[in-house]
Amino acid sequence: MILRINTSDRKKIEVGLGRNGEVSTLKSAENEFGSQVLLELITEILRENKLEFSDLSGIEVAKGPGSYTGLKVGASVANALGFGLGIKVNGKDSETELKYS
């Protein structure tokens, strides 16, 4: 299962789960500082799909264009999770490579 993180919009955070390029589940939240809800969204989407962090095989994170600070937060969380879980993290162009619909 691939975790997809999109923090390119400063106020809206999107987190998805997918396989083979297809998104099976998507959650989003809006907040004054969207990055404050990122970890909560990740744990919620995993819990709702009865998955553990160990079930993830990779992480895809939006690399832009978008909010510089938002993108840094997304990349930092993705890299920390990837390092801790021993899985690959890939940056994706949020306009063409990350599909959330």
N, C-alpha and C. Protein backbone atom coordinates (compact mmCIF):
# COMPACT_ATOMS: atom_id res chain seq x y z
N MET A 1 0.84 -1.17 0.00
CA MET A 1 0.00 0.00 0.00
C MET A 1 0.90 1.24 0.00
N ILE A 2 0.54 2.20 -0.82
CA ILE A 2 1.31 3.45 -0.94
C ILE A 2 0.56 4.57 -0.23
N LEU A 3 1.26 5.31 0.62
CA LEU A 3 0.71 6.48 1.28
C LEU A 3 1.03 7.69 0.41
N ARG A 4 0.03 8.50 0.11
CA ARG A 4 0.23 9.70 -0.71
C ARG A 4 -0.07 10.93 0.13
N ILE A 5 0.86 11.87 0.11
CA ILE A 5 0.74 13.08 0.92
C ILE A 5 0.81 14.29 0.01
N ASN A 6 -0.18 15.18 0.13
CA ASN A 6 -0.17 16.42 -0.64
C ASN A 6 -0.38 17.59 0.32
N THR A 7 0.69 18.35 0.53
CA THR A 7 0.64 19.52 1.41
C THR A 7 0.96 20.79 0.61
N SER A 8 0.72 20.75 -0.70
CA SER A 8 1.08 21.89 -1.54
C SER A 8 0.22 23.12 -1.29
N ASP A 9 -1.00 22.93 -0.79
CA ASP A 9 -1.87 24.04 -0.41
C ASP A 9 -1.67 24.28 1.08
N ARG A 10 -1.33 25.49 1.46
CA ARG A 10 -1.00 25.80 2.85
C ARG A 10 -2.13 25.46 3.82
N LYS A 11 -3.38 25.58 3.38
CA LYS A 11 -4.51 25.39 4.28
C LYS A 11 -5.25 24.07 4.09
N LYS A 12 -4.99 23.36 3.01
CA LYS A 12 -5.71 22.11 2.76
C LYS A 12 -4.69 20.98 2.58
N ILE A 13 -4.86 19.95 3.38
CA ILE A 13 -3.97 18.79 3.36
C ILE A 13 -4.75 17.60 2.82
N GLU A 14 -4.13 16.85 1.92
CA GLU A 14 -4.75 15.64 1.38
C GLU A 14 -3.83 14.45 1.62
N VAL A 15 -4.42 13.36 2.08
CA VAL A 15 -3.70 12.11 2.31
C VAL A 15 -4.49 11.00 1.65
N GLY A 16 -3.80 10.15 0.91
CA GLY A 16 -4.48 9.06 0.23
C GLY A 16 -3.73 7.76 0.38
N LEU A 17 -4.44 6.68 0.11
CA LEU A 17 -3.85 5.34 0.08
C LEU A 17 -4.14 4.76 -1.29
N GLY A 18 -3.17 4.07 -1.86
CA GLY A 18 -3.42 3.49 -3.16
C GLY A 18 -2.47 2.37 -3.50
N ARG A 19 -2.80 1.73 -4.63
CA ARG A 19 -1.99 0.64 -5.19
C ARG A 19 -1.98 0.80 -6.70
N ASN A 20 -0.88 0.45 -7.32
CA ASN A 20 -0.77 0.42 -8.78
C ASN A 20 -1.26 1.72 -9.43
N GLY A 21 -0.92 2.85 -8.83
CA GLY A 21 -1.29 4.14 -9.40
C GLY A 21 -2.72 4.57 -9.16
N GLU A 22 -3.51 3.76 -8.49
CA GLU A 22 -4.91 4.09 -8.22
C GLU A 22 -5.08 4.44 -6.74
N VAL A 23 -5.84 5.48 -6.47
CA VAL A 23 -6.13 5.88 -5.09
C VAL A 23 -7.39 5.18 -4.64
N SER A 24 -7.30 4.44 -3.53
CA SER A 24 -8.46 3.73 -3.02
C SER A 24 -9.19 4.53 -1.95
N THR A 25 -8.47 5.34 -1.21
CA THR A 25 -9.05 6.13 -0.13
C THR A 25 -8.39 7.49 -0.10
N LEU A 26 -9.17 8.52 0.15
CA LEU A 26 -8.65 9.89 0.24
C LEU A 26 -9.28 10.59 1.42
N LYS A 27 -8.46 11.30 2.18
CA LYS A 27 -8.96 12.14 3.27
C LYS A 27 -8.33 13.51 3.10
N SER A 28 -9.08 14.53 3.46
CA SER A 28 -8.52 15.87 3.42
C SER A 28 -9.04 16.65 4.62
N ALA A 29 -8.30 17.69 4.96
CA ALA A 29 -8.69 18.56 6.06
C ALA A 29 -8.21 19.96 5.76
N GLU A 30 -8.98 20.92 6.22
CA GLU A 30 -8.58 22.32 6.07
C GLU A 30 -8.38 22.90 7.46
N ASN A 31 -7.35 23.72 7.56
CA ASN A 31 -6.98 24.31 8.83
C ASN A 31 -6.18 25.57 8.50
N GLU A 32 -6.17 26.55 9.40
CA GLU A 32 -5.38 27.76 9.19
C GLU A 32 -3.94 27.40 8.83
N PHE A 33 -3.39 26.46 9.55
CA PHE A 33 -2.06 25.93 9.28
C PHE A 33 -2.23 24.44 9.02
N GLY A 34 -2.46 24.08 7.78
CA GLY A 34 -2.81 22.72 7.40
C GLY A 34 -1.87 21.66 7.91
N SER A 35 -0.60 22.00 8.03
CA SER A 35 0.37 20.99 8.44
C SER A 35 0.10 20.46 9.85
N GLN A 36 -0.67 21.20 10.64
CA GLN A 36 -0.96 20.75 12.00
C GLN A 36 -1.85 19.51 12.02
N VAL A 37 -2.53 19.22 10.92
CA VAL A 37 -3.45 18.07 10.89
C VAL A 37 -2.87 16.89 10.09
N LEU A 38 -1.68 17.01 9.55
CA LEU A 38 -1.13 15.98 8.68
C LEU A 38 -0.97 14.64 9.37
N LEU A 39 -0.30 14.60 10.49
CA LEU A 39 -0.09 13.32 11.18
C LEU A 39 -1.40 12.70 11.64
N GLU A 40 -2.33 13.53 12.08
CA GLU A 40 -3.65 13.04 12.49
C GLU A 40 -4.38 12.41 11.30
N LEU A 41 -4.30 13.04 10.13
CA LEU A 41 -4.94 12.48 8.93
C LEU A 41 -4.32 11.14 8.54
N ILE A 42 -3.01 11.04 8.64
CA ILE A 42 -2.34 9.79 8.29
C ILE A 42 -2.79 8.66 9.20
N THR A 43 -2.81 8.92 10.50
CA THR A 43 -3.23 7.86 11.43
C THR A 43 -4.71 7.52 11.24
N GLU A 44 -5.55 8.52 10.95
CA GLU A 44 -6.98 8.26 10.71
C GLU A 44 -7.20 7.38 9.48
N ILE A 45 -6.52 7.70 8.38
CA ILE A 45 -6.74 6.95 7.15
C ILE A 45 -6.25 5.51 7.30
N LEU A 46 -5.18 5.32 8.03
CA LEU A 46 -4.70 3.96 8.28
C LEU A 46 -5.68 3.20 9.17
N ARG A 47 -6.14 3.85 10.23
CA ARG A 47 -7.08 3.21 11.16
C ARG A 47 -8.38 2.84 10.45
N GLU A 48 -8.91 3.75 9.64
CA GLU A 48 -10.17 3.49 8.93
C GLU A 48 -10.07 2.34 7.94
N ASN A 49 -8.86 2.10 7.43
CA ASN A 49 -8.65 1.01 6.48
C ASN A 49 -8.06 -0.23 7.16
N LYS A 50 -8.06 -0.22 8.49
CA LYS A 50 -7.55 -1.34 9.28
C LYS A 50 -6.12 -1.72 8.88
N LEU A 51 -5.29 -0.69 8.72
CA LEU A 51 -3.89 -0.87 8.34
C LEU A 51 -2.99 -0.35 9.45
N GLU A 52 -1.77 -0.85 9.46
CA GLU A 52 -0.72 -0.38 10.35
C GLU A 52 0.34 0.31 9.50
N PHE A 53 1.20 1.08 10.13
CA PHE A 53 2.29 1.71 9.39
C PHE A 53 3.13 0.66 8.69
N SER A 54 3.27 -0.50 9.29
CA SER A 54 4.08 -1.57 8.70
C SER A 54 3.49 -2.13 7.40
N ASP A 55 2.22 -1.83 7.12
CA ASP A 55 1.57 -2.28 5.89
C ASP A 55 1.94 -1.40 4.69
N LEU A 56 2.57 -0.27 4.95
CA LEU A 56 2.94 0.64 3.86
C LEU A 56 4.19 0.12 3.15
N SER A 57 4.17 0.19 1.82
CA SER A 57 5.33 -0.24 1.04
C SER A 57 6.07 0.93 0.41
N GLY A 58 5.49 2.11 0.49
CA GLY A 58 6.13 3.30 -0.07
C GLY A 58 5.32 4.54 0.26
N ILE A 59 5.94 5.69 0.03
CA ILE A 59 5.29 6.98 0.26
C ILE A 59 5.55 7.87 -0.94
N GLU A 60 4.51 8.52 -1.42
CA GLU A 60 4.63 9.51 -2.48
C GLU A 60 4.22 10.85 -1.90
N VAL A 61 5.03 11.86 -2.12
CA VAL A 61 4.76 13.18 -1.55
C VAL A 61 4.82 14.22 -2.66
N ALA A 62 3.88 15.17 -2.61
CA ALA A 62 3.84 16.25 -3.60
C ALA A 62 5.09 17.11 -3.47
N LYS A 63 5.72 17.41 -4.62
CA LYS A 63 6.92 18.23 -4.59
C LYS A 63 6.68 19.63 -5.18
N GLY A 64 5.45 19.92 -5.51
CA GLY A 64 5.12 21.27 -5.96
C GLY A 64 4.45 21.27 -7.31
N PRO A 65 4.07 22.39 -7.77
CA PRO A 65 4.21 23.71 -7.13
C PRO A 65 3.25 23.86 -5.96
N GLY A 66 3.57 24.81 -5.10
CA GLY A 66 2.70 25.06 -3.96
C GLY A 66 3.40 25.85 -2.88
N SER A 67 2.79 25.86 -1.72
CA SER A 67 3.31 26.57 -0.56
C SER A 67 4.66 25.98 -0.15
N TYR A 68 5.67 26.82 -0.11
CA TYR A 68 7.02 26.35 0.22
C TYR A 68 7.05 25.67 1.59
N THR A 69 6.47 26.32 2.60
CA THR A 69 6.47 25.74 3.94
C THR A 69 5.65 24.46 3.98
N GLY A 70 4.49 24.46 3.33
CA GLY A 70 3.66 23.26 3.29
C GLY A 70 4.39 22.09 2.66
N LEU A 71 5.07 22.35 1.54
CA LEU A 71 5.82 21.29 0.87
C LEU A 71 6.95 20.76 1.74
N LYS A 72 7.62 21.66 2.47
CA LYS A 72 8.69 21.22 3.37
C LYS A 72 8.15 20.31 4.47
N VAL A 73 6.99 20.66 5.02
CA VAL A 73 6.39 19.84 6.08
C VAL A 73 6.05 18.46 5.52
N GLY A 74 5.41 18.42 4.36
CA GLY A 74 5.05 17.15 3.74
C GLY A 74 6.26 16.28 3.47
N ALA A 75 7.30 16.88 2.92
CA ALA A 75 8.53 16.13 2.62
C ALA A 75 9.21 15.65 3.90
N SER A 76 9.20 16.47 4.93
CA SER A 76 9.83 16.09 6.19
C SER A 76 9.12 14.92 6.85
N VAL A 77 7.79 14.97 6.87
CA VAL A 77 7.01 13.88 7.46
C VAL A 77 7.20 12.61 6.64
N ALA A 78 7.14 12.74 5.31
CA ALA A 78 7.32 11.57 4.44
C ALA A 78 8.70 10.95 4.64
N ASN A 79 9.74 11.77 4.71
CA ASN A 79 11.09 11.25 4.88
C ASN A 79 11.28 10.61 6.25
N ALA A 80 10.70 11.20 7.29
CA ALA A 80 10.82 10.62 8.63
C ALA A 80 10.11 9.26 8.68
N LEU A 81 8.90 9.20 8.12
CA LEU A 81 8.18 7.91 8.09
C LEU A 81 8.94 6.88 7.25
N GLY A 82 9.43 7.31 6.09
CA GLY A 82 10.17 6.40 5.22
C GLY A 82 11.41 5.86 5.90
N PHE A 83 12.14 6.72 6.58
CA PHE A 83 13.35 6.29 7.28
C PHE A 83 12.99 5.32 8.40
N GLY A 84 11.99 5.68 9.19
CA GLY A 84 11.60 4.84 10.32
C GLY A 84 11.05 3.49 9.90
N LEU A 85 10.35 3.46 8.77
CA LEU A 85 9.74 2.21 8.30
C LEU A 85 10.62 1.44 7.32
N GLY A 86 11.70 2.09 6.87
CA GLY A 86 12.59 1.43 5.90
C GLY A 86 11.94 1.27 4.53
N ILE A 87 11.14 2.26 4.11
CA ILE A 87 10.47 2.20 2.80
C ILE A 87 10.87 3.40 1.96
N LYS A 88 10.65 3.29 0.65
CA LYS A 88 11.03 4.35 -0.27
C LYS A 88 10.06 5.52 -0.22
N VAL A 89 10.62 6.72 -0.40
CA VAL A 89 9.85 7.95 -0.49
C VAL A 89 10.14 8.57 -1.85
N ASN A 90 9.10 8.89 -2.59
CA ASN A 90 9.26 9.50 -3.91
C ASN A 90 8.50 10.81 -3.97
N GLY A 91 9.15 11.82 -4.55
CA GLY A 91 8.48 13.09 -4.79
C GLY A 91 7.73 13.03 -6.10
N LYS A 92 6.53 13.59 -6.12
CA LYS A 92 5.70 13.60 -7.32
C LYS A 92 5.23 15.01 -7.59
N ASP A 93 5.13 15.36 -8.86
CA ASP A 93 4.59 16.65 -9.26
C ASP A 93 3.11 16.64 -8.92
N SER A 94 2.66 17.53 -8.06
CA SER A 94 1.28 17.48 -7.57
C SER A 94 0.26 17.75 -8.66
N GLU A 95 0.64 18.42 -9.75
CA GLU A 95 -0.33 18.71 -10.80
C GLU A 95 -0.49 17.58 -11.81
N THR A 96 0.55 16.77 -12.02
CA THR A 96 0.45 15.76 -13.06
C THR A 96 0.64 14.32 -12.58
N GLU A 97 1.39 14.11 -11.52
CA GLU A 97 1.70 12.75 -11.12
C GLU A 97 0.90 12.22 -9.95
N LEU A 98 0.45 13.10 -9.06
CA LEU A 98 -0.37 12.65 -7.93
C LEU A 98 -1.82 12.76 -8.34
N LYS A 99 -2.53 11.68 -8.31
CA LYS A 99 -3.93 11.66 -8.72
C LYS A 99 -4.80 11.46 -7.49
N TYR A 100 -5.62 12.45 -7.18
CA TYR A 100 -6.47 12.38 -5.99
C TYR A 100 -7.95 12.38 -6.34
N SER A 101 -8.30 12.08 -7.57
CA SER A 101 -9.73 12.07 -7.90
C SER A 101 -10.09 10.76 -8.57
